[in-house]
C-alpha atoms as a PDB file:
ATOM      1  CA  MET A   1     146.110-251.989-108.767  1.00  0.00           C
ATOM      2  CA  PRO A   2     149.190-250.231-107.311  1.00  0.00           C
ATOM      3  CA  VAL A   3     150.250-251.226-103.736  1.00  0.00           C
ATOM      4  CA  ILE A   4     152.081-248.933-101.243  1.00  0.00           C
ATOM      5  CA  LEU A   5     154.590-250.872 -99.124  1.00  0.00           C
ATOM      6  CA  PRO A   6     155.287-249.131 -95.787  1.00  0.00           C
ATOM      7  CA  LYS A   7     158.796-247.881 -95.138  1.00  0.00           C
ATOM      8  CA  SER A   8     159.185-250.081 -92.180  1.00  0.00           C
ATOM      9  CA  SER A   9     156.450-252.586 -91.434  1.00  0.00           C
ATOM     10  CA  GLY A  10     158.308-253.876 -88.281  1.00  0.00           C
ATOM     11  CA  ALA A  11     157.990-250.495 -86.721  1.00  0.00           C
ATOM     12  CA  ALA A  12     154.203-250.137 -87.222  1.00  0.00           C
ATOM     13  CA  VAL A  13     153.222-250.806 -83.684  1.00  0.00           C
ATOM     14  CA  VAL A  14     155.839-248.472 -82.179  1.00  0.00           C
ATOM     15  CA  LEU A  15     154.944-245.746 -84.690  1.00  0.00           C
ATOM     16  CA  GLY A  16     151.247-246.149 -83.993  1.00  0.00           C
ATOM     17  CA  ALA A  17     151.895-245.893 -80.223  1.00  0.00           C
ATOM     18  CA  ALA A  18     153.974-242.804 -80.725  1.00  0.00           C
ATOM     19  CA  MET A  19     151.141-241.201 -82.740  1.00  0.00           C
ATOM     20  CA  LEU A  20     148.576-241.942 -80.079  1.00  0.00           C
ATOM     21  CA  GLY A  21     150.940-240.631 -77.422  1.00  0.00           C
ATOM     22  CA  ARG A  22     151.472-237.393 -79.274  1.00  0.00           C
ATOM     23  CA  PHE A  23     147.696-236.991 -79.831  1.00  0.00           C
ATOM     24  CA  ALA A  24     146.923-237.575 -76.174  1.00  0.00           C
ATOM     25  CA  ALA A  25     149.613-235.137 -75.079  1.00  0.00           C
ATOM     26  CA  GLN A  26     148.431-232.444 -77.546  1.00  0.00           C
ATOM     27  CA  ALA A  27     144.775-232.921 -76.805  1.00  0.00           C
ATOM     28  CA  GLN A  28     145.320-232.712 -72.989  1.00  0.00           C
ATOM     29  CA  ALA A  29     147.555-229.677 -73.253  1.00  0.00           C
ATOM     30  CA  LEU A  30     145.121-227.804 -75.404  1.00  0.00           C
ATOM     31  CA  GLY A  31     142.157-228.887 -73.182  1.00  0.00           C
ATOM     32  CA  PHE A  32     140.388-230.946 -75.907  1.00  0.00           C
ATOM     33  CA  VAL A  33     139.887-233.913 -73.686  1.00  0.00           C
ATOM     34  CA  LYS A  34     138.025-234.074 -70.379  1.00  0.00           C
ATOM     35  CA  ASP A  35     138.327-236.746 -67.755  1.00  0.00           C
ATOM     36  CA  GLN A  36     134.869-238.134 -67.229  1.00  0.00           C
ATOM     37  CA  GLY A  37     135.870-239.386 -63.638  1.00  0.00           C
ATOM     38  CA  ASP A  38     135.495-243.061 -64.700  1.00  0.00           C
ATOM     39  CA  GLY A  39     138.781-243.477 -66.485  1.00  0.00           C
ATOM     40  CA  LYS A  40     137.182-242.552 -69.907  1.00  0.00           C
ATOM     41  CA  TRP A  41     138.196-239.501 -71.933  1.00  0.00           C
ATOM     42  CA  ASP A  42     135.923-237.503 -74.158  1.00  0.00           C
ATOM     43  CA  ILE A  43     137.706-236.699 -77.465  1.00  0.00           C
ATOM     44  CA  LYS A  44     134.740-235.886 -79.635  1.00  0.00           C
ATOM     45  CA  GLY A  45     135.624-233.770 -82.653  1.00  0.00           C
ATOM     46  CA  GLN A  46     139.373-234.617 -82.555  1.00  0.00           C
ATOM     47  CA  CYS A  47     139.400-237.348 -85.383  1.00  0.00           C
ATOM     48  CA  GLU A  48     140.765-234.768 -87.838  1.00  0.00           C
ATOM     49  CA  GLU A  49     143.575-233.868 -85.513  1.00  0.00           C
ATOM     50  CA  LEU A  50     144.561-237.541 -85.045  1.00  0.00           C
ATOM     51  CA  TRP A  51     144.345-237.945 -88.815  1.00  0.00           C
ATOM     52  CA  ASN A  52     146.724-234.999 -89.296  1.00  0.00           C
ATOM     53  CA  ILE A  53     149.228-236.479 -86.837  1.00  0.00           C
ATOM     54  CA  MET A  54     149.055-239.843 -88.591  1.00  0.00           C
ATOM     55  CA  VAL A  55     149.740-238.182 -92.018  1.00  0.00           C
ATOM     56  CA  GLU A  56     152.591-236.056 -90.584  1.00  0.00           C
ATOM     57  CA  MET A  57     154.349-238.907 -88.731  1.00  0.00           C
ATOM     58  CA  THR A  58     153.965-241.585 -91.414  1.00  0.00           C
ATOM     59  CA  PRO A  59     157.018-241.844 -93.716  1.00  0.00           C
ATOM     60  CA  PRO A  60     156.372-242.229 -97.406  1.00  0.00           C
ATOM     61  CA  GLY A  61     156.247-245.783 -98.609  1.00  0.00           C
ATOM     62  CA  THR A  62     157.288-247.540-101.808  1.00  0.00           C
ATOM     63  CA  LYS A  63     154.776-247.600-104.682  1.00  0.00           C
ATOM     64  CA  ILE A  64     154.695-250.932-106.543  1.00  0.00           C
ATOM     65  CA  ALA A  65     152.994-250.804-109.918  1.00  0.00           C
ATOM     66  CA  PRO A  66     151.222-253.831-111.221  1.00  0.00           C
ATOM     67  CA  SER A  67     153.043-255.916-113.788  1.00  0.00           C
ATOM     68  CA  GLY A  68     151.504-256.977-117.055  1.00  0.00           C
ATOM     69  CA  ASN A  69     153.041-260.421-117.154  1.00  0.00           C
ATOM     70  CA  PRO A  70     150.258-262.866-118.295  1.00  0.00           C
ATOM     71  CA  LYS A  71     152.080-265.848-116.757  1.00  0.00           C
ATOM     72  CA  GLU A  72     152.317-264.183-113.328  1.00  0.00           C
ATOM     73  CA  LYS A  73     148.614-263.185-113.550  1.00  0.00           C
ATOM     74  CA  LYS A  74     147.679-266.773-114.286  1.00  0.00           C
ATOM     75  CA  LEU A  75     149.651-267.929-111.295  1.00  0.00           C
ATOM     76  CA  LEU A  76     148.066-265.393-109.012  1.00  0.00           C
ATOM     77  CA  GLN A  77     144.530-266.270-110.184  1.00  0.00           C
ATOM     78  CA  ALA A  78     145.280-269.915-109.384  1.00  0.00           C
ATOM     79  CA  LYS A  79     146.591-268.986-105.919  1.00  0.00           C
ATOM     80  CA  TYR A  80     143.468-266.936-105.272  1.00  0.00           C
ATOM     81  CA  LYS A  81     141.198-269.784-106.371  1.00  0.00           C
ATOM     82  CA  ILE A  82     143.033-272.129-103.890  1.00  0.00           C
ATOM     83  CA  PHE A  83     142.717-269.567-101.161  1.00  0.00           C
ATOM     84  CA  ARG A  84     138.970-269.156-101.654  1.00  0.00           C
ATOM     85  CA  GLU A  85     138.484-272.924-101.715  1.00  0.00           C
ATOM     86  CA  SER A  86     140.495-273.349 -98.452  1.00  0.00           C
ATOM     87  CA  ILE A  87     138.094-270.861 -96.808  1.00  0.00           C
ATOM     88  CA  GLU A  88     135.105-272.840 -97.923  1.00  0.00           C
ATOM     89  CA  ILE A  89     136.753-276.096 -96.686  1.00  0.00           C
ATOM     90  CA  GLN A  90     137.473-274.386 -93.292  1.00  0.00           C
ATOM     91  CA  LYS A  91     133.759-273.341 -93.034  1.00  0.00           C
ATOM     92  CA  ARG A  92     132.631-276.856 -93.827  1.00  0.00           C
ATOM     93  CA  TRP A  93     135.037-278.415 -91.194  1.00  0.00           C
ATOM     94  CA  ARG A  94     133.918-275.757 -88.634  1.00  0.00           C
ATOM     95  CA  LYS A  95     130.337-276.694 -89.186  1.00  0.00           C
ATOM     96  CA  GLU A  96     131.078-280.414 -88.818  1.00  0.00           C
ATOM     97  CA  MET A  97     132.915-279.840 -85.540  1.00  0.00           C
ATOM     98  CA  GLU A  98     130.142-277.702 -84.170  1.00  0.00           C
ATOM     99  CA  GLU A  99     127.459-280.371 -85.132  1.00  0.00           C
ATOM    100  CA  ALA A 100     129.727-283.062 -83.543  1.00  0.00           C
ATOM    101  CA  THR A 101     130.014-281.204 -80.255  1.00  0.00           C
ATOM    102  CA  SER A 102     126.457-279.943 -79.814  1.00  0.00           C
END
């Protein structure tokens, strides 16, 4: 399956904050949000606008196509198997610790 790598993963938090700031400023300027008096804002119906801002402000990433190398595929399958086993081990250890402390 192809993977899209972001242009700058280190700037993701800053970019997300900028998107939300722009959305808030636009929504308030256009009267789409209403202060409920309790610190909460009503933004119903504005999901599409937020999505449009996200699409507009997100720079294109780099598409990485899958390789057909059988040796690499075998290695990745082995790593995934180890990953899944480590999750099961963690669950078993967590259960043992819960039983020991209860």
